[in-house]
Amino acid sequence: MFFFISSKNRKITAYHIEKSRDALPAIIAMQEAIRTASPGEEITLVTDGNPSYPAGIHFINQNYEPNLTHKKVIGLQNLDSESEEFRPFKELY
Protein backbone atom coordinates (compact mmCIF):
# COMPACT_ATOMS: atom_id res chain seq x y z
CA MET A 1 0.00 0.00 0.00
CA PHE A 2 1.32 3.43 -0.95
CA PHE A 3 -0.02 6.61 0.66
CA PHE A 4 0.96 10.20 -0.02
CA ILE A 5 -0.31 12.92 2.28
CA SER A 6 -0.04 16.67 1.77
CA SER A 7 1.93 18.42 4.49
CA LYS A 8 -0.09 21.60 3.87
CA ASN A 9 -3.62 20.37 4.49
CA ARG A 10 -2.92 16.86 5.83
CA LYS A 11 -5.19 15.20 3.29
CA ILE A 12 -4.45 12.02 1.38
CA THR A 13 -3.37 13.13 -2.08
CA ALA A 14 -2.76 9.65 -3.48
CA TYR A 15 -2.93 5.99 -2.60
CA HIS A 16 -2.32 2.79 -4.50
CA ILE A 17 -2.85 -0.79 -3.37
CA GLU A 18 -0.73 -3.48 -4.97
CA LYS A 19 0.61 -6.93 -4.15
CA SER A 20 4.21 -5.67 -4.19
CA ARG A 21 6.13 -2.53 -3.24
CA ASP A 22 8.02 -2.41 -6.53
CA ALA A 23 8.84 0.66 -8.61
CA LEU A 24 5.78 0.54 -10.90
CA PRO A 25 3.18 0.76 -8.09
CA ALA A 26 5.29 3.51 -6.45
CA ILE A 27 5.36 5.45 -9.73
CA ILE A 28 1.58 5.17 -10.08
CA ALA A 29 1.04 6.57 -6.56
CA MET A 30 3.64 9.33 -6.99
CA GLN A 31 2.15 10.43 -10.32
CA GLU A 32 -1.26 10.70 -8.68
CA ALA A 33 0.22 12.80 -5.87
CA ILE A 34 1.86 15.08 -8.46
CA ARG A 35 -1.44 15.45 -10.28
CA THR A 36 -3.07 16.85 -7.14
CA ALA A 37 -0.37 19.50 -6.63
CA SER A 38 -0.77 23.07 -7.85
CA PRO A 39 0.80 23.79 -11.25
CA GLY A 40 4.45 24.80 -10.91
CA GLU A 41 4.54 23.84 -7.24
CA GLU A 42 7.85 22.48 -5.97
CA ILE A 43 7.25 18.95 -4.73
CA THR A 44 9.29 17.14 -2.10
CA LEU A 45 8.38 13.53 -1.42
CA VAL A 46 9.27 12.16 2.02
CA THR A 47 9.36 8.37 2.04
CA ASP A 48 10.71 5.36 3.89
CA GLY A 49 13.82 3.51 2.74
CA ASN A 50 12.12 1.37 0.08
CA PRO A 51 14.38 1.42 -3.03
CA SER A 52 11.34 1.63 -5.31
CA TYR A 53 10.93 5.34 -4.48
CA PRO A 54 14.31 6.57 -5.80
CA ALA A 55 13.85 4.41 -8.91
CA GLY A 56 10.37 5.86 -9.46
CA ILE A 57 11.50 9.43 -8.86
CA HIS A 58 14.33 8.97 -11.35
CA PHE A 59 11.78 7.75 -13.92
CA ILE A 60 9.33 10.60 -13.21
CA ASN A 61 12.05 13.29 -13.28
CA GLN A 62 12.81 12.40 -16.88
CA ASN A 63 9.44 13.91 -17.86
CA TYR A 64 8.46 16.27 -15.03
CA GLU A 65 9.48 19.90 -14.58
CA PRO A 66 10.52 21.06 -12.07
CA ASN A 67 12.20 17.91 -10.82
CA LEU A 68 10.88 16.17 -7.72
CA THR A 69 12.95 16.27 -4.58
CA HIS A 70 13.20 13.15 -2.46
CA LYS A 71 13.89 12.92 1.28
CA LYS A 72 14.28 9.56 2.96
CA VAL A 73 13.34 8.80 6.59
CA ILE A 74 14.67 5.42 7.63
CA GLY A 75 13.68 3.31 10.62
CA LEU A 76 12.07 4.35 13.87
CA GLN A 77 14.90 6.46 15.26
CA ASN A 78 16.61 9.56 13.92
CA LEU A 79 20.03 8.14 13.13
CA ASP A 80 20.89 10.75 10.49
CA SER A 81 20.19 14.45 9.94
CA GLU A 82 17.77 13.87 7.03
CA SER A 83 15.62 11.49 9.11
CA GLU A 84 15.60 13.95 11.99
CA GLU A 85 14.58 16.89 9.80
CA PHE A 86 11.85 15.15 7.79
CA ARG A 87 10.41 12.60 10.28
CA PRO A 88 7.46 14.87 11.18
CA PHE A 89 6.25 14.63 7.56
CA LYS A 90 6.48 10.84 7.57
CA GLU A 91 4.55 10.67 10.84
CA LEU A 92 1.54 12.54 9.39
CA TYR A 93 -0.14 9.22 8.80
C-alpha atoms as a PDB file:
ATOM      1  CA  MET A   1       0.000   0.000   0.000  1.00  0.00           C
ATOM      2  CA  PHE A   2       1.324   3.433  -0.947  1.00  0.00           C
ATOM      3  CA  PHE A   3      -0.020   6.605   0.664  1.00  0.00           C
ATOM      4  CA  PHE A   4       0.955  10.198  -0.025  1.00  0.00           C
ATOM      5  CA  ILE A   5      -0.312  12.919   2.282  1.00  0.00           C
ATOM      6  CA  SER A   6      -0.044  16.673   1.769  1.00  0.00           C
ATOM      7  CA  SER A   7       1.928  18.419   4.491  1.00  0.00           C
ATOM      8  CA  LYS A   8      -0.093  21.597   3.871  1.00  0.00           C
ATOM      9  CA  ASN A   9      -3.624  20.371   4.491  1.00  0.00           C
ATOM     10  CA  ARG A  10      -2.918  16.858   5.829  1.00  0.00           C
ATOM     11  CA  LYS A  11      -5.186  15.198   3.288  1.00  0.00           C
ATOM     12  CA  ILE A  12      -4.453  12.020   1.377  1.00  0.00           C
ATOM     13  CA  THR A  13      -3.368  13.128  -2.082  1.00  0.00           C
ATOM     14  CA  ALA A  14      -2.760   9.646  -3.485  1.00  0.00           C
ATOM     15  CA  TYR A  15      -2.930   5.991  -2.604  1.00  0.00           C
ATOM     16  CA  HIS A  16      -2.321   2.792  -4.499  1.00  0.00           C
ATOM     17  CA  ILE A  17      -2.855  -0.786  -3.365  1.00  0.00           C
ATOM     18  CA  GLU A  18      -0.733  -3.476  -4.969  1.00  0.00           C
ATOM     19  CA  LYS A  19       0.613  -6.933  -4.152  1.00  0.00           C
ATOM     20  CA  SER A  20       4.207  -5.675  -4.190  1.00  0.00           C
ATOM     21  CA  ARG A  21       6.134  -2.535  -3.239  1.00  0.00           C
ATOM     22  CA  ASP A  22       8.024  -2.414  -6.535  1.00  0.00           C
ATOM     23  CA  ALA A  23       8.839   0.658  -8.607  1.00  0.00           C
ATOM     24  CA  LEU A  24       5.783   0.536 -10.905  1.00  0.00           C
ATOM     25  CA  PRO A  25       3.178   0.762  -8.090  1.00  0.00           C
ATOM     26  CA  ALA A  26       5.290   3.505  -6.452  1.00  0.00           C
ATOM     27  CA  ILE A  27       5.357   5.447  -9.728  1.00  0.00           C
ATOM     28  CA  ILE A  28       1.580   5.168 -10.075  1.00  0.00           C
ATOM     29  CA  ALA A  29       1.037   6.571  -6.560  1.00  0.00           C
ATOM     30  CA  MET A  30       3.638   9.332  -6.991  1.00  0.00           C
ATOM     31  CA  GLN A  31       2.152  10.430 -10.316  1.00  0.00           C
ATOM     32  CA  GLU A  32      -1.265  10.698  -8.675  1.00  0.00           C
ATOM     33  CA  ALA A  33       0.224  12.795  -5.868  1.00  0.00           C
ATOM     34  CA  ILE A  34       1.860  15.077  -8.456  1.00  0.00           C
ATOM     35  CA  ARG A  35      -1.440  15.445 -10.278  1.00  0.00           C
ATOM     36  CA  THR A  36      -3.068  16.848  -7.136  1.00  0.00           C
ATOM     37  CA  ALA A  37      -0.366  19.505  -6.632  1.00  0.00           C
ATOM     38  CA  SER A  38      -0.775  23.068  -7.847  1.00  0.00           C
ATOM     39  CA  PRO A  39       0.796  23.794 -11.251  1.00  0.00           C
ATOM     40  CA  GLY A  40       4.446  24.798 -10.909  1.00  0.00           C
ATOM     41  CA  GLU A  41       4.536  23.841  -7.238  1.00  0.00           C
ATOM     42  CA  GLU A  42       7.852  22.482  -5.974  1.00  0.00           C
ATOM     43  CA  ILE A  43       7.246  18.946  -4.732  1.00  0.00           C
ATOM     44  CA  THR A  44       9.293  17.144  -2.095  1.00  0.00           C
ATOM     45  CA  LEU A  45       8.385  13.533  -1.419  1.00  0.00           C
ATOM     46  CA  VAL A  46       9.271  12.157   2.015  1.00  0.00           C
ATOM     47  CA  THR A  47       9.363   8.370   2.040  1.00  0.00           C
ATOM     48  CA  ASP A  48      10.714   5.363   3.891  1.00  0.00           C
ATOM     49  CA  GLY A  49      13.816   3.511   2.738  1.00  0.00           C
ATOM     50  CA  ASN A  50      12.120   1.368   0.081  1.00  0.00           C
ATOM     51  CA  PRO A  51      14.375   1.418  -3.035  1.00  0.00           C
ATOM     52  CA  SER A  52      11.338   1.627  -5.310  1.00  0.00           C
ATOM     53  CA  TYR A  53      10.929   5.340  -4.475  1.00  0.00           C
ATOM     54  CA  PRO A  54      14.312   6.569  -5.796  1.00  0.00           C
ATOM     55  CA  ALA A  55      13.847   4.406  -8.910  1.00  0.00           C
ATOM     56  CA  GLY A  56      10.366   5.856  -9.463  1.00  0.00           C
ATOM     57  CA  ILE A  57      11.501   9.433  -8.858  1.00  0.00           C
ATOM     58  CA  HIS A  58      14.330   8.969 -11.350  1.00  0.00           C
ATOM     59  CA  PHE A  59      11.779   7.749 -13.915  1.00  0.00           C
ATOM     60  CA  ILE A  60       9.333  10.603 -13.215  1.00  0.00           C
ATOM     61  CA  ASN A  61      12.048  13.291 -13.276  1.00  0.00           C
ATOM     62  CA  GLN A  62      12.812  12.396 -16.877  1.00  0.00           C
ATOM     63  CA  ASN A  63       9.441  13.915 -17.856  1.00  0.00           C
ATOM     64  CA  TYR A  64       8.460  16.268 -15.030  1.00  0.00           C
ATOM     65  CA  GLU A  65       9.483  19.903 -14.585  1.00  0.00           C
ATOM     66  CA  PRO A  66      10.524  21.063 -12.072  1.00  0.00           C
ATOM     67  CA  ASN A  67      12.196  17.914 -10.816  1.00  0.00           C
ATOM     68  CA  LEU A  68      10.880  16.166  -7.725  1.00  0.00           C
ATOM     69  CA  THR A  69      12.951  16.275  -4.580  1.00  0.00           C
ATOM     70  CA  HIS A  70      13.200  13.146  -2.461  1.00  0.00           C
ATOM     71  CA  LYS A  71      13.894  12.922   1.276  1.00  0.00           C
ATOM     72  CA  LYS A  72      14.277   9.562   2.965  1.00  0.00           C
ATOM     73  CA  VAL A  73      13.339   8.802   6.587  1.00  0.00           C
ATOM     74  CA  ILE A  74      14.673   5.421   7.634  1.00  0.00           C
ATOM     75  CA  GLY A  75      13.679   3.308  10.619  1.00  0.00           C
ATOM     76  CA  LEU A  76      12.068   4.349  13.871  1.00  0.00           C
ATOM     77  CA  GLN A  77      14.901   6.461  15.261  1.00  0.00           C
ATOM     78  CA  ASN A  78      16.613   9.560  13.920  1.00  0.00           C
ATOM     79  CA  LEU A  79      20.035   8.140  13.131  1.00  0.00           C
ATOM     80  CA  ASP A  80      20.894  10.749  10.486  1.00  0.00           C
ATOM     81  CA  SER A  81      20.189  14.450   9.941  1.00  0.00           C
ATOM     82  CA  GLU A  82      17.772  13.868   7.028  1.00  0.00           C
ATOM     83  CA  SER A  83      15.622  11.485   9.106  1.00  0.00           C
ATOM     84  CA  GLU A  84      15.601  13.950  11.990  1.00  0.00           C
ATOM     85  CA  GLU A  85      14.579  16.892   9.801  1.00  0.00           C
ATOM     86  CA  PHE A  86      11.849  15.145   7.792  1.00  0.00           C
ATOM     87  CA  ARG A  87      10.409  12.597  10.277  1.00  0.00           C
ATOM     88  CA  PRO A  88       7.456  14.873  11.175  1.00  0.00           C
ATOM     89  CA  PHE A  89       6.246  14.634   7.562  1.00  0.00           C
ATOM     90  CA  LYS A  90       6.477  10.840   7.568  1.00  0.00           C
ATOM     91  CA  GLU A  91       4.547  10.672  10.838  1.00  0.00           C
ATOM     92  CA  LEU A  92       1.544  12.537   9.387  1.00  0.00           C
ATOM     93  CA  TYR A  93      -0.137   9.223   8.795  1.00  0.00           C
END
